[in-house]
Amino acid sequence: EDATNVDYSIYLSSDSTISGSGNDVLIGSDVANSIAQGNTWSGNINLGIPSNLGDGCWYWGIIVDPNDSIIEMDETNNAMPSSGQFCVEQADIVIDSISASEDAVSGQSTTVYMNISNSGGSDAGSFNVQLLLSIDAQAGTDDTQVDSFRINPLTSGSTLQVTRTITIPGQHIGQFHWVVIVDTASEVAEDD
C-alpha cells in the first residue's frame, strides 16, 4: 500500500549507528508527501552544520518514520548512515605574544602589542577581547581591566597584530603583568 506523509529526520553522528539518540545530532527533518508501493523517493533538503559541532569525523544519517507512525512489515530498517564521513575542526584562538614598554608609569599612556592567531581548522567569527593588569599574571577577580575591544573575523591559519594605547590607572604602582582574555562572550566555537 502507498505511504503518505512520511516523516524523515537527518542526523550527524560520530559513529555509523544512527538511532536519533546518544551522540546523534538532529540537523533537520521534513515530510515526503507520498511514496508509492514498491517505489523509491528522493528529495532535497537544505541543511546547515551547527557551529557548535565538536571536532571529529561525522556520518550523515537518516531515519525514516522516526515516530513509527506508519505500520510496516519491518520497523528495523528505517535508519541508514552515509557510506563516508566528513571531518570538522573548530577554530582555536591563541594569544601568541603580548608586550609593552617595561617603564610604563602609573597615570600615563603606554602602547601594548599583541599577536592573536587562529590556529584551528575553521574560521573564527568576530569576538571580544579584554586586556587586564594583573599582579600574578593569572586572570582573576583582583585584576584591573584596562581595555576591551572587538576583533573582526579571523580566518583559519591567520595572525592579527593588535596595537592598543592604554592609560595605566593611577593607583597601579609596582610590577604588574599584562593578561589578555579572548572571546570573553564565548561567541566562537573552539577546540579549547
C-alpha atoms as a PDB file:
ATOM      1  CA  GLU A   1       0.000   0.000   0.000  1.00  0.00           C
ATOM      2  CA  ASP A   2       1.214   3.570  -0.655  1.00  0.00           C
ATOM      3  CA  ALA A   3       2.688   5.530   2.225  1.00  0.00           C
ATOM      4  CA  THR A   4       1.684   9.172   2.683  1.00  0.00           C
ATOM      5  CA  ASN A   5       3.129  11.953   4.833  1.00  0.00           C
ATOM      6  CA  VAL A   6       6.343  10.063   5.543  1.00  0.00           C
ATOM      7  CA  ASP A   7       8.421  11.915   8.120  1.00  0.00           C
ATOM      8  CA  TYR A   8      12.198  11.719   7.980  1.00  0.00           C
ATOM      9  CA  SER A   9      14.949  13.162  10.153  1.00  0.00           C
ATOM     10  CA  ILE A  10      18.563  13.884   9.219  1.00  0.00           C
ATOM     11  CA  TYR A  11      21.313  13.433  11.797  1.00  0.00           C
ATOM     12  CA  LEU A  12      25.042  13.779  12.205  1.00  0.00           C
ATOM     13  CA  SER A  13      26.678  11.017  14.207  1.00  0.00           C
ATOM     14  CA  SER A  14      30.247  10.313  15.255  1.00  0.00           C
ATOM     15  CA  ASP A  15      29.608   6.609  14.640  1.00  0.00           C
ATOM     16  CA  SER A  16      27.748   4.709  11.938  1.00  0.00           C
ATOM     17  CA  THR A  17      24.845   3.742  14.198  1.00  0.00           C
ATOM     18  CA  ILE A  18      22.012   6.183  13.517  1.00  0.00           C
ATOM     19  CA  SER A  19      19.445   5.927  16.311  1.00  0.00           C
ATOM     20  CA  GLY A  20      18.321   9.500  16.959  1.00  0.00           C
ATOM     21  CA  SER A  21      19.750   9.389  20.486  1.00  0.00           C
ATOM     22  CA  GLY A  22      23.127   9.300  22.198  1.00  0.00           C
ATOM     23  CA  ASN A  23      25.733  11.167  20.161  1.00  0.00           C
ATOM     24  CA  ASP A  24      23.399  11.759  17.175  1.00  0.00           C
ATOM     25  CA  VAL A  25      22.754  15.438  16.415  1.00  0.00           C
ATOM     26  CA  LEU A  26      19.436  16.279  14.734  1.00  0.00           C
ATOM     27  CA  ILE A  27      20.058  18.830  11.985  1.00  0.00           C
ATOM     28  CA  GLY A  28      16.827  18.741  10.014  1.00  0.00           C
ATOM     29  CA  SER A  29      13.586  16.985   9.201  1.00  0.00           C
ATOM     30  CA  ASP A  30      10.916  17.072   6.539  1.00  0.00           C
ATOM     31  CA  VAL A  31       7.991  15.109   5.105  1.00  0.00           C
ATOM     32  CA  ALA A  32       7.784  13.133   1.874  1.00  0.00           C
ATOM     33  CA  ASN A  33       4.215  13.578   0.643  1.00  0.00           C
ATOM     34  CA  SER A  34       3.781  10.134  -0.856  1.00  0.00           C
ATOM     35  CA  ILE A  35       5.796   7.006  -1.638  1.00  0.00           C
ATOM     36  CA  ALA A  36       4.039   4.552  -3.919  1.00  0.00           C
ATOM     37  CA  GLN A  37       4.151   0.879  -3.020  1.00  0.00           C
ATOM     38  CA  GLY A  38       7.278  -0.772  -4.448  1.00  0.00           C
ATOM     39  CA  ASN A  39       8.841   2.557  -5.440  1.00  0.00           C
ATOM     40  CA  THR A  40      11.546   4.825  -4.058  1.00  0.00           C
ATOM     41  CA  TRP A  41      11.530   8.508  -3.245  1.00  0.00           C
ATOM     42  CA  SER A  42      14.310  11.055  -3.432  1.00  0.00           C
ATOM     43  CA  GLY A  43      14.298  14.690  -2.467  1.00  0.00           C
ATOM     44  CA  ASN A  44      16.400  17.632  -1.380  1.00  0.00           C
ATOM     45  CA  ILE A  45      16.596  19.351   1.967  1.00  0.00           C
ATOM     46  CA  ASN A  46      18.719  22.359   2.889  1.00  0.00           C
ATOM     47  CA  LEU A  47      20.781  21.658   5.993  1.00  0.00           C
ATOM     48  CA  GLY A  48      23.417  23.536   7.940  1.00  0.00           C
ATOM     49  CA  ILE A  49      26.191  22.116  10.052  1.00  0.00           C
ATOM     50  CA  PRO A  50      25.793  23.510  13.588  1.00  0.00           C
ATOM     51  CA  SER A  51      28.535  25.974  14.559  1.00  0.00           C
ATOM     52  CA  ASN A  52      28.926  24.209  17.935  1.00  0.00           C
ATOM     53  CA  LEU A  53      29.515  20.777  16.377  1.00  0.00           C
ATOM     54  CA  GLY A  54      32.596  19.328  18.019  1.00  0.00           C
ATOM     55  CA  ASP A  55      35.808  18.367  16.297  1.00  0.00           C
ATOM     56  CA  GLY A  56      35.919  14.971  14.704  1.00  0.00           C
ATOM     57  CA  CYS A  57      34.623  12.960  11.800  1.00  0.00           C
ATOM     58  CA  TRP A  58      30.882  12.631  11.298  1.00  0.00           C
ATOM     59  CA  TYR A  59      28.459  10.435   9.381  1.00  0.00           C
ATOM     60  CA  TRP A  60      25.287  11.777   7.821  1.00  0.00           C
ATOM     61  CA  GLY A  61      22.317   9.656   8.774  1.00  0.00           C
ATOM     62  CA  ILE A  62      18.616   9.432   8.053  1.00  0.00           C
ATOM     63  CA  ILE A  63      15.747   7.921   9.977  1.00  0.00           C
ATOM     64  CA  VAL A  64      12.525   7.452   8.024  1.00  0.00           C
ATOM     65  CA  ASP A  65       9.305   7.350  10.034  1.00  0.00           C
ATOM     66  CA  PRO A  66      11.181   8.193  13.274  1.00  0.00           C
ATOM     67  CA  ASN A  67       7.982   8.052  15.350  1.00  0.00           C
ATOM     68  CA  ASP A  68       6.837   4.693  13.908  1.00  0.00           C
ATOM     69  CA  SER A  69       3.569   6.264  12.787  1.00  0.00           C
ATOM     70  CA  ILE A  70       3.410   4.109   9.627  1.00  0.00           C
ATOM     71  CA  ILE A  71       2.594   0.427  10.088  1.00  0.00           C
ATOM     72  CA  GLU A  72       5.321  -1.561   8.331  1.00  0.00           C
ATOM     73  CA  MET A  73       6.312  -5.193   7.855  1.00  0.00           C
ATOM     74  CA  ASP A  74       9.821  -4.360   9.169  1.00  0.00           C
ATOM     75  CA  GLU A  75      10.426  -1.434  11.546  1.00  0.00           C
ATOM     76  CA  THR A  76      14.139  -2.232  11.939  1.00  0.00           C
ATOM     77  CA  ASN A  77      15.333  -0.950   8.541  1.00  0.00           C
ATOM     78  CA  ASN A  78      14.378   2.736   8.827  1.00  0.00           C
ATOM     79  CA  ALA A  79      17.825   4.155   9.688  1.00  0.00           C
ATOM     80  CA  MET A  80      20.884   4.419   7.482  1.00  0.00           C
ATOM     81  CA  PRO A  81      24.276   6.132   7.788  1.00  0.00           C
ATOM     82  CA  SER A  82      26.214   7.646   4.905  1.00  0.00           C
ATOM     83  CA  SER A  83      28.906   5.444   3.407  1.00  0.00           C
ATOM     84  CA  GLY A  84      31.612   8.019   4.202  1.00  0.00           C
ATOM     85  CA  GLN A  85      32.381  10.679   6.760  1.00  0.00           C
ATOM     86  CA  PHE A  86      33.291  14.353   6.714  1.00  0.00           C
ATOM     87  CA  CYS A  87      35.629  15.853   9.287  1.00  0.00           C
ATOM     88  CA  VAL A  88      35.313  19.102  11.249  1.00  0.00           C
ATOM     89  CA  GLU A  89      38.000  21.071  13.013  1.00  0.00           C
ATOM     90  CA  GLN A  90      36.929  24.086  15.078  1.00  0.00           C
ATOM     91  CA  ALA A  91      38.638  27.439  15.324  1.00  0.00           C
ATOM     92  CA  ASP A  92      41.296  27.847  18.013  1.00  0.00           C
ATOM     93  CA  ILE A  93      42.059  31.431  19.046  1.00  0.00           C
ATOM     94  CA  VAL A  94      45.528  31.756  20.548  1.00  0.00           C
ATOM     95  CA  ILE A  95      47.430  34.679  22.068  1.00  0.00           C
ATOM     96  CA  ASP A  96      50.883  34.270  20.562  1.00  0.00           C
ATOM     97  CA  SER A  97      52.525  37.216  22.274  1.00  0.00           C
ATOM     98  CA  ILE A  98      51.954  40.362  24.302  1.00  0.00           C
ATOM     99  CA  SER A  99      54.471  43.078  25.015  1.00  0.00           C
ATOM    100  CA  ALA A 100      54.640  46.651  26.242  1.00  0.00           C
ATOM    101  CA  SER A 101      57.208  49.102  27.469  1.00  0.00           C
ATOM    102  CA  GLU A 102      58.735  47.948  30.760  1.00  0.00           C
ATOM    103  CA  ASP A 103      58.944  51.526  32.051  1.00  0.00           C
ATOM    104  CA  ALA A 104      55.217  52.284  31.916  1.00  0.00           C
ATOM    105  CA  VAL A 105      54.251  54.867  34.526  1.00  0.00           C
ATOM    106  CA  SER A 106      51.086  54.939  36.590  1.00  0.00           C
ATOM    107  CA  GLY A 107      48.659  57.541  35.206  1.00  0.00           C
ATOM    108  CA  GLN A 108      50.391  57.747  31.812  1.00  0.00           C
ATOM    109  CA  SER A 109      49.888  56.062  28.461  1.00  0.00           C
ATOM    110  CA  THR A 110      51.782  53.086  27.105  1.00  0.00           C
ATOM    111  CA  THR A 111      51.444  51.018  23.948  1.00  0.00           C
ATOM    112  CA  VAL A 112      50.607  47.323  24.185  1.00  0.00           C
ATOM    113  CA  TYR A 113      51.359  44.957  21.292  1.00  0.00           C
ATOM    114  CA  MET A 114      49.574  41.622  20.864  1.00  0.00           C
ATOM    115  CA  ASN A 115      49.623  38.862  18.263  1.00  0.00           C
ATOM    116  CA  ILE A 116      46.367  36.908  18.191  1.00  0.00           C
ATOM    117  CA  SER A 117      46.018  33.949  15.835  1.00  0.00           C
ATOM    118  CA  ASN A 118      43.522  31.316  14.799  1.00  0.00           C
ATOM    119  CA  SER A 119      45.440  28.044  14.743  1.00  0.00           C
ATOM    120  CA  GLY A 120      42.297  25.937  14.253  1.00  0.00           C
ATOM    121  CA  GLY A 121      40.853  24.441  11.120  1.00  0.00           C
ATOM    122  CA  SER A 122      37.804  26.730  10.823  1.00  0.00           C
ATOM    123  CA  ASP A 123      37.388  30.475  10.554  1.00  0.00           C
ATOM    124  CA  ALA A 124      36.508  32.343  13.753  1.00  0.00           C
ATOM    125  CA  GLY A 125      33.714  34.904  13.738  1.00  0.00           C
ATOM    126  CA  SER A 126      34.081  38.254  15.486  1.00  0.00           C
ATOM    127  CA  PHE A 127      34.886  38.125  19.199  1.00  0.00           C
ATOM    128  CA  ASN A 128      35.627  40.371  22.191  1.00  0.00           C
ATOM    129  CA  VAL A 129      38.996  40.768  23.905  1.00  0.00           C
ATOM    130  CA  GLN A 130      39.805  42.102  27.379  1.00  0.00           C
ATOM    131  CA  LEU A 131      43.177  43.476  28.440  1.00  0.00           C
ATOM    132  CA  LEU A 132      43.940  43.282  32.159  1.00  0.00           C
ATOM    133  CA  LEU A 133      46.678  44.352  34.546  1.00  0.00           C
ATOM    134  CA  SER A 134      47.461  41.566  36.997  1.00  0.00           C
ATOM    135  CA  ILE A 135      49.776  41.234  39.987  1.00  0.00           C
ATOM    136  CA  ASP A 136      50.227  37.488  39.478  1.00  0.00           C
ATOM    137  CA  ALA A 137      49.973  37.045  35.651  1.00  0.00           C
ATOM    138  CA  GLN A 138      46.784  34.972  36.065  1.00  0.00           C
ATOM    139  CA  ALA A 139      43.307  36.231  35.211  1.00  0.00           C
ATOM    140  CA  GLY A 140      41.324  36.701  38.419  1.00  0.00           C
ATOM    141  CA  THR A 141      38.967  38.923  40.362  1.00  0.00           C
ATOM    142  CA  ASP A 142      41.845  41.046  41.690  1.00  0.00           C
ATOM    143  CA  ASP A 143      42.858  42.183  38.181  1.00  0.00           C
ATOM    144  CA  THR A 144      42.056  45.562  36.632  1.00  0.00           C
ATOM    145  CA  GLN A 145      40.514  45.691  33.174  1.00  0.00           C
ATOM    146  CA  VAL A 146      42.208  48.494  31.252  1.00  0.00           C
ATOM    147  CA  ASP A 147      40.777  47.907  27.783  1.00  0.00           C
ATOM    148  CA  SER A 148      38.274  45.882  25.811  1.00  0.00           C
ATOM    149  CA  PHE A 149      37.843  45.723  22.068  1.00  0.00           C
ATOM    150  CA  ARG A 150      36.350  43.626  19.289  1.00  0.00           C
ATOM    151  CA  ILE A 151      38.259  41.561  16.741  1.00  0.00           C
ATOM    152  CA  ASN A 152      36.729  41.073  13.292  1.00  0.00           C
ATOM    153  CA  PRO A 153      36.504  37.535  11.881  1.00  0.00           C
ATOM    154  CA  LEU A 154      39.847  35.717  11.888  1.00  0.00           C
ATOM    155  CA  THR A 155      40.429  33.146   9.164  1.00  0.00           C
ATOM    156  CA  SER A 156      41.960  29.769   9.862  1.00  0.00           C
ATOM    157  CA  GLY A 157      45.763  29.959   9.997  1.00  0.00           C
ATOM    158  CA  SER A 158      45.903  33.749  10.179  1.00  0.00           C
ATOM    159  CA  THR A 159      47.547  36.035  12.746  1.00  0.00           C
ATOM    160  CA  LEU A 160      46.472  39.551  13.635  1.00  0.00           C
ATOM    161  CA  GLN A 161      48.845  42.140  15.095  1.00  0.00           C
ATOM    162  CA  VAL A 162      46.975  44.382  17.522  1.00  0.00           C
ATOM    163  CA  THR A 163      48.341  47.650  18.901  1.00  0.00           C
ATOM    164  CA  ARG A 164      46.486  49.399  21.727  1.00  0.00           C
ATOM    165  CA  THR A 165      47.351  52.610  23.577  1.00  0.00           C
ATOM    166  CA  ILE A 166      46.451  52.215  27.233  1.00  0.00           C
ATOM    167  CA  THR A 167      46.481  54.634  30.157  1.00  0.00           C
ATOM    168  CA  ILE A 168      47.841  52.908  33.253  1.00  0.00           C
ATOM    169  CA  PRO A 169      45.412  53.553  36.160  1.00  0.00           C
ATOM    170  CA  GLY A 170      46.770  55.998  38.752  1.00  0.00           C
ATOM    171  CA  GLN A 171      46.591  53.547  41.671  1.00  0.00           C
ATOM    172  CA  HIS A 172      48.807  50.946  39.982  1.00  0.00           C
ATOM    173  CA  ILE A 173      52.293  51.200  41.435  1.00  0.00           C
ATOM    174  CA  GLY A 174      54.703  48.289  41.361  1.00  0.00           C
ATOM    175  CA  GLN A 175      55.200  45.418  38.980  1.00  0.00           C
ATOM    176  CA  PHE A 176      52.175  44.212  37.041  1.00  0.00           C
ATOM    177  CA  HIS A 177      51.635  41.691  34.262  1.00  0.00           C
ATOM    178  CA  TRP A 178      49.542  42.041  31.127  1.00  0.00           C
ATOM    179  CA  VAL A 179      46.800  39.425  30.743  1.00  0.00           C
ATOM    180  CA  VAL A 180      44.730  39.032  27.577  1.00  0.00           C
ATOM    181  CA  ILE A 181      41.414  37.178  27.548  1.00  0.00           C
ATOM    182  CA  VAL A 182      39.989  36.401  24.104  1.00  0.00           C
ATOM    183  CA  ASP A 183      36.400  35.541  23.194  1.00  0.00           C
ATOM    184  CA  THR A 184      35.091  36.762  26.538  1.00  0.00           C
ATOM    185  CA  ALA A 185      31.456  36.184  25.484  1.00  0.00           C
ATOM    186  CA  SER A 186      32.151  32.646  24.170  1.00  0.00           C
ATOM    187  CA  GLU A 187      30.965  33.557  20.669  1.00  0.00           C
ATOM    188  CA  VAL A 188      33.432  31.308  18.819  1.00  0.00           C
ATOM    189  CA  ALA A 189      33.213  27.515  18.964  1.00  0.00           C
ATOM    190  CA  GLU A 190      36.792  26.452  19.684  1.00  0.00           C
ATOM    191  CA  ASP A 191      38.936  23.371  20.115  1.00  0.00           C
ATOM    192  CA  ASP A 192      39.757  24.501  23.675  1.00  0.00           C
END
